[in-house]
Amino acid sequence: MPRPLGELEDAVMTRVWQWNRPVTVREVLEDLQQERSIAYTTVMTVMDNLHQKGWVRREAEGRAYRYTAVSTRAAYSAALMNEAWSTSDNPAAALVAFFGMMSAEQREALRDAVRIVQHDDESAESAAESAAESAVEAPAEVAAEAPAPAEAEGDSAERPGTPGR
């Protein structure tokens, strides 16, 4: 389970996620320097740490690296929420308390998300039921559609399952 990103790690990952493309240390540095005084080596160390932790992958480009996010900000947030929820001694109470902290807009987003998941579950169940029905019906249909075995005309190479001469 992921542990929360530190303040500087989060600032770096925010840029990587927002830009949604391979980035260099120099690009992240220049953007961060608009907000704070920070050294190139500090950003390089943070990006290397993020790589070691599995948050970004990197590819060499000349003497530098280009870094790309391994997952999305949404996946990161979801993993943190799941971690917090699953470590509770009373997950139901934790969810009720969490929902109580939500704004009306957040609760509406939650309702939309639940509808989407339920629709996906129903679609998956429907697809699974169709596949199961097809699998049950398939042997009869295959037998009905299969060509009749070749008549013995002296050429055993034409008959399936019979070795040729």
N, C-alpha and C. Protein backbone atom coordinates (compact mmCIF):
# COMPACT_ATOMS: atom_id res chain seq x y z
N MET A 1 0.84 -1.18 0.00
CA MET A 1 0.00 0.00 0.00
C MET A 1 0.89 1.25 0.00
N PRO A 2 0.46 2.27 -0.70
CA PRO A 2 1.30 3.46 -0.79
C PRO A 2 1.27 4.27 0.50
N ARG A 3 2.41 4.83 0.80
CA ARG A 3 2.39 5.79 1.90
C ARG A 3 2.26 7.17 1.25
N PRO A 4 1.71 8.11 1.97
CA PRO A 4 1.51 9.44 1.37
C PRO A 4 2.83 10.04 0.89
N LEU A 5 2.75 10.75 -0.22
CA LEU A 5 3.92 11.45 -0.73
C LEU A 5 4.27 12.60 0.21
N GLY A 6 5.55 12.89 0.32
CA GLY A 6 5.99 14.06 1.08
C GLY A 6 5.61 15.33 0.32
N GLU A 7 5.80 16.48 0.95
CA GLU A 7 5.39 17.75 0.34
C GLU A 7 6.10 17.99 -1.01
N LEU A 8 7.40 17.81 -1.06
CA LEU A 8 8.13 18.04 -2.31
C LEU A 8 7.84 16.94 -3.33
N GLU A 9 7.72 15.71 -2.86
CA GLU A 9 7.35 14.62 -3.77
C GLU A 9 6.00 14.91 -4.42
N ASP A 10 5.06 15.39 -3.61
CA ASP A 10 3.73 15.71 -4.13
C ASP A 10 3.81 16.86 -5.15
N ALA A 11 4.63 17.87 -4.87
CA ALA A 11 4.78 18.99 -5.79
C ALA A 11 5.34 18.52 -7.13
N VAL A 12 6.31 17.61 -7.08
CA VAL A 12 6.89 17.07 -8.31
C VAL A 12 5.87 16.21 -9.04
N MET A 13 5.23 15.30 -8.32
CA MET A 13 4.26 14.40 -8.96
C MET A 13 3.08 15.18 -9.53
N THR A 14 2.67 16.25 -8.87
CA THR A 14 1.58 17.06 -9.39
C THR A 14 1.91 17.54 -10.80
N ARG A 15 3.13 17.97 -11.01
CA ARG A 15 3.54 18.44 -12.35
C ARG A 15 3.58 17.28 -13.34
N VAL A 16 4.13 16.16 -12.91
CA VAL A 16 4.21 15.00 -13.81
C VAL A 16 2.80 14.57 -14.21
N TRP A 17 1.88 14.54 -13.24
CA TRP A 17 0.50 14.15 -13.55
C TRP A 17 -0.19 15.19 -14.43
N GLN A 18 -0.04 16.45 -14.12
CA GLN A 18 -0.71 17.50 -14.89
C GLN A 18 -0.20 17.56 -16.33
N TRP A 19 1.09 17.44 -16.50
CA TRP A 19 1.66 17.57 -17.84
C TRP A 19 1.40 16.31 -18.67
N ASN A 20 1.25 15.16 -18.01
CA ASN A 20 0.87 13.92 -18.66
C ASN A 20 1.75 13.59 -19.88
N ARG A 21 3.05 13.75 -19.69
CA ARG A 21 4.03 13.45 -20.74
C ARG A 21 5.37 13.23 -20.06
N PRO A 22 6.33 12.65 -20.75
CA PRO A 22 7.66 12.51 -20.15
C PRO A 22 8.26 13.88 -19.85
N VAL A 23 8.84 14.03 -18.66
CA VAL A 23 9.40 15.32 -18.24
C VAL A 23 10.84 15.13 -17.78
N THR A 24 11.60 16.21 -17.84
CA THR A 24 12.99 16.19 -17.35
C THR A 24 13.06 16.88 -15.99
N VAL A 25 14.15 16.63 -15.30
CA VAL A 25 14.40 17.30 -14.03
C VAL A 25 14.41 18.81 -14.26
N ARG A 26 15.04 19.25 -15.32
CA ARG A 26 15.15 20.69 -15.63
C ARG A 26 13.76 21.32 -15.77
N GLU A 27 12.84 20.67 -16.46
CA GLU A 27 11.49 21.22 -16.63
C GLU A 27 10.78 21.36 -15.29
N VAL A 28 10.87 20.33 -14.47
CA VAL A 28 10.22 20.36 -13.16
C VAL A 28 10.87 21.44 -12.30
N LEU A 29 12.19 21.51 -12.34
CA LEU A 29 12.93 22.52 -11.57
C LEU A 29 12.46 23.93 -11.94
N GLU A 30 12.43 24.22 -13.23
CA GLU A 30 12.05 25.57 -13.67
C GLU A 30 10.64 25.93 -13.22
N ASP A 31 9.73 24.95 -13.24
CA ASP A 31 8.37 25.23 -12.81
C ASP A 31 8.31 25.42 -11.29
N LEU A 32 9.03 24.58 -10.55
CA LEU A 32 9.05 24.71 -9.09
C LEU A 32 9.68 26.03 -8.65
N GLN A 33 10.67 26.51 -9.40
CA GLN A 33 11.37 27.75 -9.02
C GLN A 33 10.46 28.97 -9.13
N GLN A 34 9.32 28.85 -9.78
CA GLN A 34 8.36 29.95 -9.81
C GLN A 34 7.71 30.13 -8.45
N GLU A 35 7.72 29.08 -7.63
CA GLU A 35 7.09 29.12 -6.31
C GLU A 35 8.10 29.19 -5.16
N ARG A 36 9.29 28.63 -5.35
CA ARG A 36 10.26 28.51 -4.27
C ARG A 36 11.67 28.45 -4.82
N SER A 37 12.60 28.71 -3.96
CA SER A 37 14.01 28.58 -4.32
C SER A 37 14.39 27.13 -4.07
N ILE A 38 14.87 26.47 -5.11
CA ILE A 38 15.19 25.05 -5.00
C ILE A 38 16.33 24.71 -5.95
N ALA A 39 17.19 23.79 -5.54
CA ALA A 39 18.36 23.42 -6.33
C ALA A 39 18.04 22.27 -7.29
N TYR A 40 18.76 22.26 -8.40
CA TYR A 40 18.62 21.20 -9.39
C TYR A 40 18.83 19.84 -8.74
N THR A 41 19.88 19.71 -7.93
CA THR A 41 20.19 18.42 -7.31
C THR A 41 19.08 17.94 -6.37
N THR A 42 18.38 18.87 -5.75
CA THR A 42 17.26 18.49 -4.88
C THR A 42 16.15 17.87 -5.69
N VAL A 43 15.79 18.51 -6.80
CA VAL A 43 14.73 17.97 -7.66
C VAL A 43 15.17 16.64 -8.25
N MET A 44 16.44 16.55 -8.65
CA MET A 44 16.96 15.30 -9.22
C MET A 44 16.86 14.17 -8.19
N THR A 45 17.21 14.46 -6.94
CA THR A 45 17.14 13.46 -5.88
C THR A 45 15.70 13.03 -5.63
N VAL A 46 14.78 13.98 -5.60
CA VAL A 46 13.36 13.66 -5.38
C VAL A 46 12.85 12.78 -6.52
N MET A 47 13.20 13.13 -7.76
CA MET A 47 12.72 12.34 -8.90
C MET A 47 13.34 10.95 -8.90
N ASP A 48 14.59 10.84 -8.48
CA ASP A 48 15.22 9.53 -8.36
C ASP A 48 14.53 8.71 -7.27
N ASN A 49 14.21 9.35 -6.15
CA ASN A 49 13.49 8.67 -5.07
C ASN A 49 12.12 8.19 -5.55
N LEU A 50 11.42 9.03 -6.31
CA LEU A 50 10.10 8.64 -6.85
C LEU A 50 10.25 7.45 -7.79
N HIS A 51 11.34 7.42 -8.53
CA HIS A 51 11.61 6.27 -9.41
C HIS A 51 11.87 5.02 -8.58
N GLN A 52 12.68 5.14 -7.55
CA GLN A 52 12.99 4.00 -6.69
C GLN A 52 11.73 3.46 -5.99
N LYS A 53 10.80 4.35 -5.67
CA LYS A 53 9.55 3.96 -5.00
C LYS A 53 8.50 3.45 -5.98
N GLY A 54 8.77 3.56 -7.27
CA GLY A 54 7.84 3.03 -8.26
C GLY A 54 6.77 4.00 -8.72
N TRP A 55 6.89 5.28 -8.39
CA TRP A 55 5.89 6.25 -8.81
C TRP A 55 6.09 6.73 -10.24
N VAL A 56 7.36 6.72 -10.70
CA VAL A 56 7.67 7.14 -12.07
C VAL A 56 8.60 6.12 -12.69
N ARG A 57 8.54 6.03 -14.02
CA ARG A 57 9.53 5.25 -14.76
C ARG A 57 10.39 6.26 -15.48
N ARG A 58 11.58 5.86 -15.85
CA ARG A 58 12.45 6.81 -16.54
C ARG A 58 13.16 6.14 -17.70
N GLU A 59 13.43 6.98 -18.69
CA GLU A 59 14.17 6.53 -19.86
C GLU A 59 15.29 7.51 -20.09
N ALA A 60 16.47 6.97 -20.38
CA ALA A 60 17.63 7.82 -20.63
C ALA A 60 17.45 8.57 -21.94
N GLU A 61 17.82 9.83 -21.90
CA GLU A 61 17.84 10.66 -23.11
C GLU A 61 19.12 11.50 -23.04
N GLY A 62 20.12 11.05 -23.75
CA GLY A 62 21.42 11.71 -23.63
C GLY A 62 21.97 11.47 -22.24
N ARG A 63 22.38 12.56 -21.58
CA ARG A 63 22.92 12.44 -20.23
C ARG A 63 21.84 12.64 -19.16
N ALA A 64 20.62 12.80 -19.57
CA ALA A 64 19.52 13.04 -18.62
C ALA A 64 18.49 11.92 -18.74
N TYR A 65 17.48 12.01 -17.90
CA TYR A 65 16.35 11.07 -17.94
C TYR A 65 15.08 11.84 -18.24
N ARG A 66 14.13 11.13 -18.85
CA ARG A 66 12.76 11.63 -18.98
C ARG A 66 11.91 10.73 -18.07
N TYR A 67 11.11 11.36 -17.22
CA TYR A 67 10.30 10.65 -16.24
C TYR A 67 8.83 10.69 -16.65
N THR A 68 8.15 9.55 -16.44
CA THR A 68 6.72 9.43 -16.75
C THR A 68 6.02 8.80 -15.55
N ALA A 69 4.84 9.28 -15.23
CA ALA A 69 4.07 8.71 -14.11
C ALA A 69 3.68 7.27 -14.42
N VAL A 70 3.73 6.44 -13.39
CA VAL A 70 3.34 5.04 -13.53
C VAL A 70 1.83 4.89 -13.39
N SER A 71 1.21 5.73 -12.56
CA SER A 71 -0.25 5.69 -12.41
C SER A 71 -0.77 7.12 -12.34
N THR A 72 -2.06 7.25 -12.23
CA THR A 72 -2.70 8.57 -12.23
C THR A 72 -2.83 9.12 -10.81
N ARG A 73 -3.10 10.40 -10.72
CA ARG A 73 -3.38 11.05 -9.43
C ARG A 73 -4.62 10.40 -8.81
N ALA A 74 -5.62 10.09 -9.63
CA ALA A 74 -6.83 9.46 -9.12
C ALA A 74 -6.54 8.09 -8.51
N ALA A 75 -5.68 7.30 -9.15
CA ALA A 75 -5.33 5.99 -8.62
C ALA A 75 -4.57 6.13 -7.30
N TYR A 76 -3.69 7.12 -7.23
CA TYR A 76 -2.95 7.40 -5.99
C TYR A 76 -3.92 7.76 -4.87
N SER A 77 -4.84 8.68 -5.16
CA SER A 77 -5.82 9.10 -4.15
C SER A 77 -6.69 7.92 -3.70
N ALA A 78 -7.11 7.11 -4.65
CA ALA A 78 -7.94 5.95 -4.33
C ALA A 78 -7.19 4.97 -3.44
N ALA A 79 -5.91 4.75 -3.73
CA ALA A 79 -5.10 3.84 -2.91
C ALA A 79 -4.96 4.37 -1.49
N LEU A 80 -4.76 5.69 -1.35
CA LEU A 80 -4.67 6.27 -0.01
C LEU A 80 -5.99 6.12 0.75
N MET A 81 -7.11 6.37 0.07
CA MET A 81 -8.41 6.22 0.72
C MET A 81 -8.64 4.77 1.13
N ASN A 82 -8.29 3.84 0.25
CA ASN A 82 -8.48 2.43 0.56
C ASN A 82 -7.61 2.01 1.74
N GLU A 83 -6.37 2.49 1.76
CA GLU A 83 -5.47 2.18 2.88
C GLU A 83 -6.05 2.70 4.19
N ALA A 84 -6.50 3.94 4.20
CA ALA A 84 -7.07 4.52 5.42
C ALA A 84 -8.31 3.76 5.86
N TRP A 85 -9.16 3.43 4.93
CA TRP A 85 -10.40 2.72 5.23
C TRP A 85 -10.13 1.31 5.74
N SER A 86 -9.22 0.61 5.08
CA SER A 86 -8.99 -0.79 5.43
C SER A 86 -8.23 -0.96 6.74
N THR A 87 -7.56 0.07 7.22
CA THR A 87 -6.85 -0.06 8.50
C THR A 87 -7.72 0.30 9.69
N SER A 88 -8.93 0.74 9.43
CA SER A 88 -9.84 1.10 10.52
C SER A 88 -10.33 -0.16 11.23
N ASP A 89 -10.52 -0.06 12.55
CA ASP A 89 -11.09 -1.20 13.28
C ASP A 89 -12.60 -1.29 13.07
N ASN A 90 -13.20 -0.23 12.51
CA ASN A 90 -14.63 -0.24 12.19
C ASN A 90 -14.81 0.47 10.84
N PRO A 91 -14.59 -0.25 9.74
CA PRO A 91 -14.65 0.38 8.42
C PRO A 91 -15.98 1.07 8.11
N ALA A 92 -17.09 0.51 8.56
CA ALA A 92 -18.38 1.13 8.29
C ALA A 92 -18.47 2.50 8.98
N ALA A 93 -18.05 2.57 10.22
CA ALA A 93 -18.08 3.84 10.95
C ALA A 93 -17.12 4.85 10.30
N ALA A 94 -15.97 4.36 9.83
CA ALA A 94 -15.02 5.26 9.17
C ALA A 94 -15.64 5.84 7.89
N LEU A 95 -16.34 4.99 7.13
CA LEU A 95 -16.99 5.49 5.91
C LEU A 95 -18.08 6.51 6.24
N VAL A 96 -18.87 6.23 7.26
CA VAL A 96 -19.94 7.17 7.65
C VAL A 96 -19.31 8.51 8.05
N ALA A 97 -18.24 8.47 8.83
CA ALA A 97 -17.58 9.70 9.24
C ALA A 97 -17.00 10.43 8.02
N PHE A 98 -16.40 9.67 7.12
CA PHE A 98 -15.84 10.27 5.90
C PHE A 98 -16.92 10.93 5.06
N PHE A 99 -18.03 10.23 4.85
CA PHE A 99 -19.13 10.79 4.07
C PHE A 99 -19.68 12.04 4.73
N GLY A 100 -19.67 12.05 6.05
CA GLY A 100 -20.15 13.22 6.78
C GLY A 100 -19.27 14.45 6.57
N MET A 101 -18.02 14.25 6.24
CA MET A 101 -17.09 15.35 5.99
C MET A 101 -17.20 15.91 4.57
N MET A 102 -17.89 15.18 3.71
CA MET A 102 -17.95 15.56 2.30
C MET A 102 -18.89 16.73 2.06
N SER A 103 -18.54 17.52 1.06
CA SER A 103 -19.44 18.60 0.62
C SER A 103 -20.57 17.98 -0.21
N ALA A 104 -21.59 18.77 -0.49
CA ALA A 104 -22.69 18.29 -1.32
C ALA A 104 -22.19 17.85 -2.70
N GLU A 105 -21.24 18.61 -3.25
CA GLU A 105 -20.69 18.27 -4.57
C GLU A 105 -19.93 16.95 -4.51
N GLN A 106 -19.19 16.73 -3.43
CA GLN A 106 -18.44 15.49 -3.29
C GLN A 106 -19.38 14.30 -3.14
N ARG A 107 -20.47 14.48 -2.37
CA ARG A 107 -21.44 13.40 -2.22
C ARG A 107 -22.11 13.08 -3.55
N GLU A 108 -22.38 14.10 -4.35
CA GLU A 108 -22.96 13.87 -5.69
C GLU A 108 -21.97 13.12 -6.58
N ALA A 109 -20.69 13.47 -6.50
CA ALA A 109 -19.66 12.76 -7.25
C ALA A 109 -19.59 11.30 -6.80
N LEU A 110 -19.75 11.08 -5.50
CA LEU A 110 -19.77 9.72 -4.97
C LEU A 110 -20.97 8.94 -5.52
N ARG A 111 -22.13 9.56 -5.54
CA ARG A 111 -23.32 8.90 -6.09
C ARG A 111 -23.09 8.52 -7.56
N ASP A 112 -22.50 9.45 -8.32
CA ASP A 112 -22.21 9.18 -9.73
C ASP A 112 -21.25 8.00 -9.86
N ALA A 113 -20.22 7.97 -9.01
CA ALA A 113 -19.23 6.90 -9.07
C ALA A 113 -19.88 5.55 -8.74
N VAL A 114 -20.76 5.53 -7.74
CA VAL A 114 -21.44 4.29 -7.38
C VAL A 114 -22.32 3.82 -8.54
N ARG A 115 -23.03 4.75 -9.20
CA ARG A 115 -23.85 4.38 -10.37
C ARG A 115 -22.98 3.77 -11.46
N ILE A 116 -21.83 4.35 -11.70
CA ILE A 116 -20.93 3.84 -12.74
C ILE A 116 -20.45 2.43 -12.39
N VAL A 117 -20.04 2.24 -11.15
CA VAL A 117 -19.55 0.93 -10.73
C VAL A 117 -20.68 -0.09 -10.80
N GLN A 118 -21.86 0.27 -10.37
CA GLN A 118 -22.99 -0.66 -10.44
C GLN A 118 -23.31 -1.00 -11.90
N HIS A 119 -23.26 0.00 -12.77
CA HIS A 119 -23.52 -0.25 -14.20
C HIS A 119 -22.46 -1.18 -14.77
N ASP A 120 -21.19 -0.93 -14.41
CA ASP A 120 -20.11 -1.80 -14.88
C ASP A 120 -20.28 -3.21 -14.35
N ASP A 121 -20.69 -3.34 -13.07
CA ASP A 121 -20.93 -4.66 -12.49
C ASP A 121 -22.05 -5.38 -13.22
N GLU A 122 -23.14 -4.65 -13.50
CA GLU A 122 -24.27 -5.24 -14.21
C GLU A 122 -23.86 -5.64 -15.62
N SER A 123 -23.07 -4.81 -16.29
CA SER A 123 -22.60 -5.14 -17.64
C SER A 123 -21.70 -6.36 -17.60
N ALA A 124 -20.83 -6.42 -16.59
CA ALA A 124 -19.92 -7.56 -16.47
C ALA A 124 -20.71 -8.83 -16.17
N GLU A 125 -21.71 -8.73 -15.28
CA GLU A 125 -22.54 -9.89 -14.97
C GLU A 125 -23.30 -10.34 -16.20
N SER A 126 -23.85 -9.38 -16.94
CA SER A 126 -24.59 -9.71 -18.15
C SER A 126 -23.69 -10.38 -19.18
N ALA A 127 -22.47 -9.86 -19.34
CA ALA A 127 -21.52 -10.45 -20.28
C ALA A 127 -21.13 -11.85 -19.83
N ALA A 128 -20.94 -12.03 -18.51
CA ALA A 128 -20.58 -13.34 -17.99
C ALA A 128 -21.72 -14.34 -18.19
N GLU A 129 -22.96 -13.87 -17.95
CA GLU A 129 -24.11 -14.75 -18.16
C GLU A 129 -24.23 -15.14 -19.62
N SER A 130 -24.04 -14.18 -20.53
CA SER A 130 -24.11 -14.46 -21.96
C SER A 130 -23.04 -15.45 -22.36
N ALA A 131 -21.83 -15.27 -21.83
CA ALA A 131 -20.73 -16.17 -22.16
C ALA A 131 -21.03 -17.57 -21.63
N ALA A 132 -21.59 -17.66 -20.42
CA ALA A 132 -21.92 -18.96 -19.85
C ALA A 132 -23.01 -19.64 -20.67
N GLU A 133 -24.03 -18.88 -21.07
CA GLU A 133 -25.09 -19.44 -21.90
C GLU A 133 -24.53 -19.92 -23.23
N SER A 134 -23.65 -19.13 -23.82
CA SER A 134 -23.05 -19.51 -25.09
C SER A 134 -22.23 -20.77 -24.94
N ALA A 135 -21.52 -20.89 -23.83
CA ALA A 135 -20.69 -22.07 -23.61
C ALA A 135 -21.55 -23.32 -23.46
N VAL A 136 -22.71 -23.18 -22.82
CA VAL A 136 -23.61 -24.31 -22.66
C VAL A 136 -24.23 -24.70 -24.00
N GLU A 137 -24.61 -23.69 -24.80
CA GLU A 137 -25.24 -23.96 -26.08
C GLU A 137 -24.24 -24.33 -27.16
N ALA A 138 -23.01 -23.93 -27.01
CA ALA A 138 -22.00 -24.11 -28.05
C ALA A 138 -21.80 -25.55 -28.49
N PRO A 139 -21.69 -26.52 -27.59
CA PRO A 139 -21.43 -27.88 -28.07
C PRO A 139 -22.51 -28.38 -29.02
N ALA A 140 -23.77 -28.12 -28.76
CA ALA A 140 -24.85 -28.56 -29.65
C ALA A 140 -24.76 -27.83 -30.98
N GLU A 141 -24.48 -26.51 -30.93
CA GLU A 141 -24.38 -25.74 -32.17
C GLU A 141 -23.19 -26.18 -32.99
N VAL A 142 -22.06 -26.45 -32.32
CA VAL A 142 -20.86 -26.87 -33.03
C VAL A 142 -21.11 -28.21 -33.69
N ALA A 143 -21.76 -29.12 -32.97
CA ALA A 143 -22.04 -30.43 -33.55
C ALA A 143 -22.97 -30.30 -34.75
N ALA A 144 -23.95 -29.40 -34.65
CA ALA A 144 -24.90 -29.24 -35.75
C ALA A 144 -24.24 -28.62 -36.97
N GLU A 145 -23.26 -27.73 -36.74
CA GLU A 145 -22.61 -27.02 -37.84
C GLU A 145 -21.39 -27.76 -38.37
N ALA A 146 -20.91 -28.77 -37.66
CA ALA A 146 -19.69 -29.46 -38.08
C ALA A 146 -19.97 -30.24 -39.35
N PRO A 147 -19.03 -30.27 -40.28
CA PRO A 147 -19.22 -31.04 -41.51
C PRO A 147 -19.22 -32.53 -41.19
N ALA A 148 -19.93 -33.26 -42.00
CA ALA A 148 -19.98 -34.71 -41.82
C ALA A 148 -18.61 -35.28 -42.11
N PRO A 149 -18.22 -36.33 -41.42
CA PRO A 149 -16.92 -36.93 -41.68
C PRO A 149 -16.82 -37.36 -43.15
N ALA A 150 -15.62 -37.25 -43.69
CA ALA A 150 -15.41 -37.62 -45.09
C ALA A 150 -15.67 -39.10 -45.27
N GLU A 151 -16.30 -39.44 -46.38
CA GLU A 151 -16.56 -40.85 -46.69
C GLU A 151 -15.24 -41.52 -46.99
N ALA A 152 -15.17 -42.75 -46.68
CA ALA A 152 -13.94 -43.49 -46.95
C ALA A 152 -13.80 -43.66 -48.45
N GLU A 153 -12.95 -42.85 -49.03
CA GLU A 153 -12.73 -42.92 -50.48
C GLU A 153 -11.32 -43.37 -50.77
N GLY A 154 -10.69 -43.88 -49.74
CA GLY A 154 -9.34 -44.37 -49.97
C GLY A 154 -8.26 -43.36 -49.67
N ASP A 155 -8.58 -42.08 -49.42
CA ASP A 155 -7.56 -41.08 -49.12
C ASP A 155 -7.72 -40.66 -47.67
N SER A 156 -7.02 -41.34 -46.79
CA SER A 156 -7.17 -41.07 -45.36
C SER A 156 -6.59 -39.73 -44.96
N ALA A 157 -5.80 -39.08 -45.78
CA ALA A 157 -5.22 -37.79 -45.44
C ALA A 157 -6.27 -36.71 -45.34
N GLU A 158 -7.42 -36.90 -45.96
CA GLU A 158 -8.47 -35.89 -45.93
C GLU A 158 -9.33 -35.99 -44.68
N ARG A 159 -9.22 -37.10 -43.96
CA ARG A 159 -10.06 -37.26 -42.78
C ARG A 159 -9.35 -36.73 -41.56
N PRO A 160 -10.03 -35.85 -40.79
CA PRO A 160 -9.41 -35.33 -39.59
C PRO A 160 -9.11 -36.45 -38.60
N GLY A 161 -7.98 -36.32 -37.95
CA GLY A 161 -7.62 -37.27 -36.91
C GLY A 161 -7.00 -38.55 -37.45
N THR A 162 -6.90 -38.69 -38.76
CA THR A 162 -6.32 -39.89 -39.33
C THR A 162 -4.97 -39.52 -39.93
N PRO A 163 -3.93 -40.20 -39.52
CA PRO A 163 -2.62 -39.83 -40.05
C PRO A 163 -2.57 -40.09 -41.56
N GLY A 164 -1.85 -39.20 -42.22
CA GLY A 164 -1.69 -39.33 -43.68
C GLY A 164 -0.74 -40.44 -44.01
N ARG A 165 -0.60 -40.73 -45.30
CA ARG A 165 0.28 -41.82 -45.72
C ARG A 165 1.67 -41.38 -45.86
